Amino acid sequence: MGDCIFCKIARGEIPCRKVYEDDELLAFHDINPVAPVHFMMIPKLHLASLTEAGEAHTVLLGRMLLLAPRLAKEQGLENGFRTVINTGKGGGQEVFHLHIHVIGGGNIPPMVRRN
């Protein structure tokens, strides 16, 4: 998509602080990090959200999930990390291009508040 900010980043039209890049995937540091380490992984192929992924994307999604721990470790996250995929407006998605947040380091609060 021409106006998608993540597509523009993937095409090199908008600079980013790259963590990783290959022919299908790009990982880069979040510009508004919520933790000491916060990067995201995107497919270069435009998929608006996880709901648009189908059987044809199985290998791509698998590659993303398998790459996450390797990149997290390279970024110094030896004790664990959180992966987040916000899906749709109701799921908190702000940029409508599938992306996986990888977050860690410091004091990461629980995802769900427990009483």
N, C-alpha and C. Protein backbone atom coordinates (compact mmCIF):
# COMPACT_ATOMS: atom_id res chain seq x y z
N MET A 1 0.85 -1.19 0.00
CA MET A 1 0.00 0.00 0.00
C MET A 1 0.88 1.24 0.00
N GLY A 2 0.55 2.17 -0.83
CA GLY A 2 1.36 3.37 -0.99
C GLY A 2 1.43 4.26 0.21
N ASP A 3 0.35 4.40 0.98
CA ASP A 3 0.34 5.33 2.10
C ASP A 3 0.60 4.69 3.45
N CYS A 4 0.84 3.39 3.50
CA CYS A 4 1.10 2.69 4.76
C CYS A 4 2.50 3.05 5.26
N ILE A 5 2.59 3.54 6.49
CA ILE A 5 3.88 3.97 7.03
C ILE A 5 4.87 2.82 7.13
N PHE A 6 4.39 1.62 7.48
CA PHE A 6 5.31 0.48 7.58
C PHE A 6 5.77 0.02 6.20
N CYS A 7 4.92 0.13 5.20
CA CYS A 7 5.34 -0.17 3.83
C CYS A 7 6.43 0.81 3.39
N LYS A 8 6.26 2.08 3.75
CA LYS A 8 7.27 3.09 3.41
C LYS A 8 8.59 2.79 4.11
N ILE A 9 8.53 2.36 5.37
CA ILE A 9 9.74 1.99 6.09
C ILE A 9 10.39 0.78 5.42
N ALA A 10 9.59 -0.21 5.06
CA ALA A 10 10.11 -1.43 4.42
C ALA A 10 10.77 -1.11 3.08
N ARG A 11 10.24 -0.13 2.36
CA ARG A 11 10.82 0.27 1.07
C ARG A 11 12.01 1.21 1.22
N GLY A 12 12.31 1.63 2.44
CA GLY A 12 13.44 2.53 2.67
C GLY A 12 13.11 3.99 2.46
N GLU A 13 11.83 4.32 2.30
CA GLU A 13 11.42 5.72 2.10
C GLU A 13 11.42 6.51 3.40
N ILE A 14 11.26 5.83 4.51
CA ILE A 14 11.32 6.44 5.84
C ILE A 14 12.42 5.70 6.59
N PRO A 15 13.36 6.44 7.19
CA PRO A 15 14.46 5.76 7.90
C PRO A 15 13.97 5.08 9.18
N CYS A 16 14.71 4.07 9.58
CA CYS A 16 14.43 3.38 10.84
C CYS A 16 15.76 2.88 11.40
N ARG A 17 15.72 2.50 12.65
CA ARG A 17 16.88 1.87 13.29
C ARG A 17 16.71 0.37 13.16
N LYS A 18 17.31 -0.20 12.14
CA LYS A 18 17.13 -1.62 11.82
C LYS A 18 17.76 -2.53 12.85
N VAL A 19 17.03 -3.59 13.13
CA VAL A 19 17.52 -4.69 13.94
C VAL A 19 17.87 -5.86 13.04
N TYR A 20 17.07 -6.03 11.98
CA TYR A 20 17.23 -7.18 11.08
C TYR A 20 16.51 -6.87 9.77
N GLU A 21 17.04 -7.42 8.67
CA GLU A 21 16.34 -7.32 7.40
C GLU A 21 16.74 -8.47 6.50
N ASP A 22 15.75 -9.02 5.80
CA ASP A 22 16.00 -9.96 4.72
C ASP A 22 14.99 -9.65 3.61
N ASP A 23 14.83 -10.54 2.66
CA ASP A 23 13.93 -10.27 1.53
C ASP A 23 12.47 -10.16 1.93
N GLU A 24 12.06 -10.83 3.03
CA GLU A 24 10.65 -10.87 3.42
C GLU A 24 10.31 -10.10 4.69
N LEU A 25 11.30 -9.90 5.56
CA LEU A 25 11.04 -9.35 6.88
C LEU A 25 11.94 -8.17 7.19
N LEU A 26 11.42 -7.30 8.05
CA LEU A 26 12.19 -6.18 8.57
C LEU A 26 11.88 -6.05 10.06
N ALA A 27 12.91 -5.87 10.85
CA ALA A 27 12.73 -5.60 12.28
C ALA A 27 13.43 -4.29 12.58
N PHE A 28 12.77 -3.44 13.36
CA PHE A 28 13.34 -2.13 13.67
C PHE A 28 12.85 -1.66 15.04
N HIS A 29 13.63 -0.77 15.65
CA HIS A 29 13.30 -0.25 16.96
C HIS A 29 12.05 0.63 16.90
N ASP A 30 11.19 0.49 17.90
CA ASP A 30 9.99 1.31 18.00
C ASP A 30 10.39 2.75 18.33
N ILE A 31 9.73 3.72 17.71
CA ILE A 31 10.08 5.13 17.97
C ILE A 31 9.53 5.62 19.31
N ASN A 32 8.58 4.89 19.88
CA ASN A 32 8.03 5.21 21.20
C ASN A 32 8.11 3.97 22.08
N PRO A 33 9.33 3.59 22.49
CA PRO A 33 9.48 2.34 23.24
C PRO A 33 8.80 2.39 24.61
N VAL A 34 8.27 1.23 25.00
CA VAL A 34 7.64 1.10 26.31
C VAL A 34 8.53 0.34 27.28
N ALA A 35 9.72 -0.04 26.83
CA ALA A 35 10.69 -0.78 27.64
C ALA A 35 12.08 -0.49 27.09
N PRO A 36 13.12 -0.84 27.85
CA PRO A 36 14.48 -0.62 27.36
C PRO A 36 14.75 -1.24 25.99
N VAL A 37 14.18 -2.40 25.73
CA VAL A 37 14.26 -3.01 24.40
C VAL A 37 12.85 -3.11 23.87
N HIS A 38 12.60 -2.50 22.73
CA HIS A 38 11.28 -2.55 22.10
C HIS A 38 11.49 -2.38 20.61
N PHE A 39 11.37 -3.50 19.92
CA PHE A 39 11.44 -3.43 18.46
C PHE A 39 10.24 -4.16 17.89
N MET A 40 10.01 -3.96 16.61
CA MET A 40 8.91 -4.66 15.97
C MET A 40 9.39 -5.32 14.71
N MET A 41 8.70 -6.38 14.37
CA MET A 41 8.99 -7.15 13.17
C MET A 41 7.79 -7.03 12.24
N ILE A 42 8.08 -6.75 10.98
CA ILE A 42 7.00 -6.63 9.98
C ILE A 42 7.33 -7.49 8.77
N PRO A 43 6.30 -8.02 8.12
CA PRO A 43 6.55 -8.60 6.81
C PRO A 43 6.63 -7.45 5.81
N LYS A 44 7.45 -7.58 4.80
CA LYS A 44 7.50 -6.55 3.77
C LYS A 44 6.24 -6.57 2.91
N LEU A 45 5.61 -7.71 2.84
CA LEU A 45 4.32 -7.84 2.19
C LEU A 45 3.27 -7.15 3.05
N HIS A 46 2.44 -6.34 2.46
CA HIS A 46 1.42 -5.65 3.25
C HIS A 46 0.27 -6.58 3.60
N LEU A 47 0.11 -6.80 4.88
CA LEU A 47 -1.07 -7.47 5.45
C LEU A 47 -1.58 -6.51 6.50
N ALA A 48 -2.82 -6.08 6.40
CA ALA A 48 -3.32 -5.06 7.32
C ALA A 48 -3.33 -5.54 8.76
N SER A 49 -3.64 -6.80 8.99
CA SER A 49 -3.65 -7.34 10.36
C SER A 49 -3.58 -8.85 10.30
N LEU A 50 -3.50 -9.47 11.46
CA LEU A 50 -3.45 -10.92 11.54
C LEU A 50 -4.71 -11.55 10.95
N THR A 51 -5.83 -10.84 10.99
CA THR A 51 -7.06 -11.40 10.43
C THR A 51 -7.00 -11.56 8.91
N GLU A 52 -6.10 -10.87 8.25
CA GLU A 52 -5.95 -11.00 6.80
C GLU A 52 -5.02 -12.14 6.41
N ALA A 53 -4.30 -12.70 7.37
CA ALA A 53 -3.38 -13.79 7.06
C ALA A 53 -4.16 -15.06 6.79
N GLY A 54 -3.66 -15.85 5.85
CA GLY A 54 -4.30 -17.11 5.51
C GLY A 54 -3.26 -18.20 5.39
N GLU A 55 -3.69 -19.34 4.88
CA GLU A 55 -2.80 -20.50 4.71
C GLU A 55 -1.56 -20.14 3.90
N ALA A 56 -1.70 -19.26 2.94
CA ALA A 56 -0.56 -18.87 2.11
C ALA A 56 0.53 -18.15 2.90
N HIS A 57 0.20 -17.67 4.09
CA HIS A 57 1.16 -16.92 4.92
C HIS A 57 1.75 -17.75 6.05
N THR A 58 1.48 -19.05 6.07
CA THR A 58 1.93 -19.91 7.16
C THR A 58 3.44 -19.84 7.35
N VAL A 59 4.19 -19.98 6.29
CA VAL A 59 5.65 -19.97 6.40
C VAL A 59 6.15 -18.61 6.86
N LEU A 60 5.59 -17.55 6.33
CA LEU A 60 5.99 -16.19 6.71
C LEU A 60 5.75 -15.95 8.20
N LEU A 61 4.58 -16.30 8.68
CA LEU A 61 4.26 -16.11 10.11
C LEU A 61 5.16 -16.98 10.98
N GLY A 62 5.41 -18.19 10.55
CA GLY A 62 6.31 -19.07 11.29
C GLY A 62 7.72 -18.51 11.36
N ARG A 63 8.20 -17.97 10.26
CA ARG A 63 9.54 -17.36 10.25
C ARG A 63 9.61 -16.21 11.24
N MET A 64 8.53 -15.39 11.29
CA MET A 64 8.53 -14.25 12.20
C MET A 64 8.61 -14.72 13.65
N LEU A 65 7.81 -15.72 13.99
CA LEU A 65 7.80 -16.21 15.37
C LEU A 65 9.10 -16.89 15.75
N LEU A 66 9.72 -17.58 14.81
CA LEU A 66 11.00 -18.23 15.11
C LEU A 66 12.16 -17.24 15.16
N LEU A 67 12.04 -16.15 14.44
CA LEU A 67 13.09 -15.13 14.44
C LEU A 67 13.06 -14.29 15.72
N ALA A 68 11.89 -14.11 16.30
CA ALA A 68 11.75 -13.25 17.49
C ALA A 68 12.72 -13.60 18.61
N PRO A 69 12.84 -14.87 19.04
CA PRO A 69 13.77 -15.16 20.14
C PRO A 69 15.23 -14.91 19.79
N ARG A 70 15.59 -15.17 18.54
CA ARG A 70 16.97 -14.92 18.13
C ARG A 70 17.30 -13.43 18.21
N LEU A 71 16.40 -12.60 17.66
CA LEU A 71 16.64 -11.15 17.69
C LEU A 71 16.57 -10.62 19.12
N ALA A 72 15.65 -11.14 19.92
CA ALA A 72 15.55 -10.71 21.33
C ALA A 72 16.87 -10.97 22.05
N LYS A 73 17.42 -12.15 21.84
CA LYS A 73 18.70 -12.49 22.48
C LYS A 73 19.81 -11.56 21.99
N GLU A 74 19.84 -11.30 20.68
CA GLU A 74 20.85 -10.39 20.13
C GLU A 74 20.73 -8.98 20.70
N GLN A 75 19.52 -8.60 21.11
CA GLN A 75 19.29 -7.28 21.70
C GLN A 75 19.52 -7.28 23.21
N GLY A 76 19.99 -8.40 23.75
CA GLY A 76 20.35 -8.48 25.17
C GLY A 76 19.26 -9.03 26.08
N LEU A 77 18.19 -9.53 25.53
CA LEU A 77 17.09 -10.04 26.35
C LEU A 77 17.33 -11.51 26.68
N GLU A 78 18.22 -11.75 27.62
CA GLU A 78 18.61 -13.11 28.01
C GLU A 78 17.59 -13.76 28.95
N ASN A 79 16.82 -12.95 29.68
CA ASN A 79 15.90 -13.48 30.70
C ASN A 79 14.45 -13.53 30.26
N GLY A 80 14.20 -13.32 28.99
CA GLY A 80 12.84 -13.39 28.48
C GLY A 80 12.39 -12.08 27.86
N PHE A 81 11.25 -12.14 27.22
CA PHE A 81 10.71 -10.99 26.51
C PHE A 81 9.22 -11.23 26.29
N ARG A 82 8.53 -10.21 25.86
CA ARG A 82 7.11 -10.30 25.54
C ARG A 82 6.94 -10.06 24.05
N THR A 83 6.06 -10.84 23.44
CA THR A 83 5.67 -10.58 22.06
C THR A 83 4.20 -10.17 22.08
N VAL A 84 3.87 -9.16 21.28
CA VAL A 84 2.51 -8.64 21.24
C VAL A 84 2.12 -8.43 19.78
N ILE A 85 0.94 -8.94 19.43
CA ILE A 85 0.35 -8.66 18.12
C ILE A 85 -1.02 -8.05 18.39
N ASN A 86 -1.13 -6.75 18.21
CA ASN A 86 -2.43 -6.08 18.34
C ASN A 86 -3.17 -6.27 17.02
N THR A 87 -4.41 -6.72 17.10
CA THR A 87 -5.16 -7.05 15.90
C THR A 87 -6.47 -6.29 15.86
N GLY A 88 -6.60 -5.40 14.89
CA GLY A 88 -7.82 -4.61 14.73
C GLY A 88 -7.92 -3.48 15.74
N LYS A 89 -8.82 -2.56 15.44
CA LYS A 89 -9.03 -1.39 16.30
C LYS A 89 -9.35 -1.81 17.73
N GLY A 90 -10.22 -2.81 17.88
CA GLY A 90 -10.60 -3.29 19.20
C GLY A 90 -9.47 -3.98 19.94
N GLY A 91 -8.45 -4.42 19.23
CA GLY A 91 -7.28 -5.05 19.84
C GLY A 91 -6.14 -4.08 20.07
N GLY A 92 -6.39 -2.80 19.84
CA GLY A 92 -5.36 -1.79 20.09
C GLY A 92 -4.42 -1.54 18.93
N GLN A 93 -4.70 -2.07 17.76
CA GLN A 93 -3.82 -1.86 16.62
C GLN A 93 -3.93 -0.41 16.16
N GLU A 94 -2.78 0.25 15.98
CA GLU A 94 -2.75 1.64 15.56
C GLU A 94 -2.25 1.79 14.13
N VAL A 95 -1.30 0.94 13.73
CA VAL A 95 -0.80 0.95 12.36
C VAL A 95 -1.32 -0.32 11.71
N PHE A 96 -2.08 -0.17 10.64
CA PHE A 96 -2.74 -1.32 10.03
C PHE A 96 -1.86 -1.97 8.98
N HIS A 97 -0.76 -2.53 9.49
CA HIS A 97 0.18 -3.38 8.78
C HIS A 97 0.62 -4.37 9.85
N LEU A 98 0.43 -5.65 9.62
CA LEU A 98 0.77 -6.66 10.62
C LEU A 98 2.16 -6.42 11.18
N HIS A 99 2.27 -6.44 12.50
CA HIS A 99 3.57 -6.30 13.15
C HIS A 99 3.55 -6.99 14.50
N ILE A 100 4.71 -7.50 14.87
CA ILE A 100 4.91 -8.14 16.16
C ILE A 100 5.85 -7.26 16.97
N HIS A 101 5.37 -6.81 18.13
CA HIS A 101 6.22 -6.08 19.06
C HIS A 101 7.03 -7.10 19.87
N VAL A 102 8.31 -6.83 20.06
CA VAL A 102 9.16 -7.62 20.94
C VAL A 102 9.66 -6.65 22.00
N ILE A 103 9.30 -6.94 23.26
CA ILE A 103 9.49 -5.99 24.35
C ILE A 103 10.18 -6.69 25.51
N GLY A 104 11.15 -6.02 26.12
CA GLY A 104 11.81 -6.62 27.27
C GLY A 104 12.80 -5.69 27.94
N GLY A 105 13.38 -6.19 29.00
CA GLY A 105 14.32 -5.42 29.80
C GLY A 105 13.58 -4.57 30.81
N GLY A 106 14.22 -4.28 31.90
CA GLY A 106 13.57 -3.46 32.93
C GLY A 106 12.41 -4.18 33.59
N ASN A 107 11.49 -3.41 34.11
CA ASN A 107 10.34 -3.94 34.84
C ASN A 107 9.12 -3.92 33.92
N ILE A 108 8.80 -5.04 33.32
CA ILE A 108 7.67 -5.15 32.41
C ILE A 108 6.43 -5.50 33.24
N PRO A 109 5.42 -4.64 33.22
CA PRO A 109 4.22 -4.94 34.01
C PRO A 109 3.44 -6.11 33.41
N PRO A 110 2.58 -6.74 34.21
CA PRO A 110 1.77 -7.83 33.66
C PRO A 110 0.86 -7.32 32.57
N MET A 111 0.51 -8.20 31.64
CA MET A 111 -0.38 -7.83 30.54
C MET A 111 -1.78 -7.54 31.03
N VAL A 112 -2.24 -8.32 32.00
CA VAL A 112 -3.60 -8.18 32.52
C VAL A 112 -3.52 -7.95 34.02
N ARG A 113 -4.21 -6.92 34.46
CA ARG A 113 -4.20 -6.63 35.88
C ARG A 113 -5.05 -7.68 36.61
N ARG A 114 -4.47 -8.24 37.65
CA ARG A 114 -5.18 -9.24 38.45
C ARG A 114 -5.50 -8.61 39.81
N ASN A 115 -6.72 -8.81 40.26
CA ASN A 115 -7.13 -8.27 41.57
C ASN A 115 -6.95 -9.28 42.67
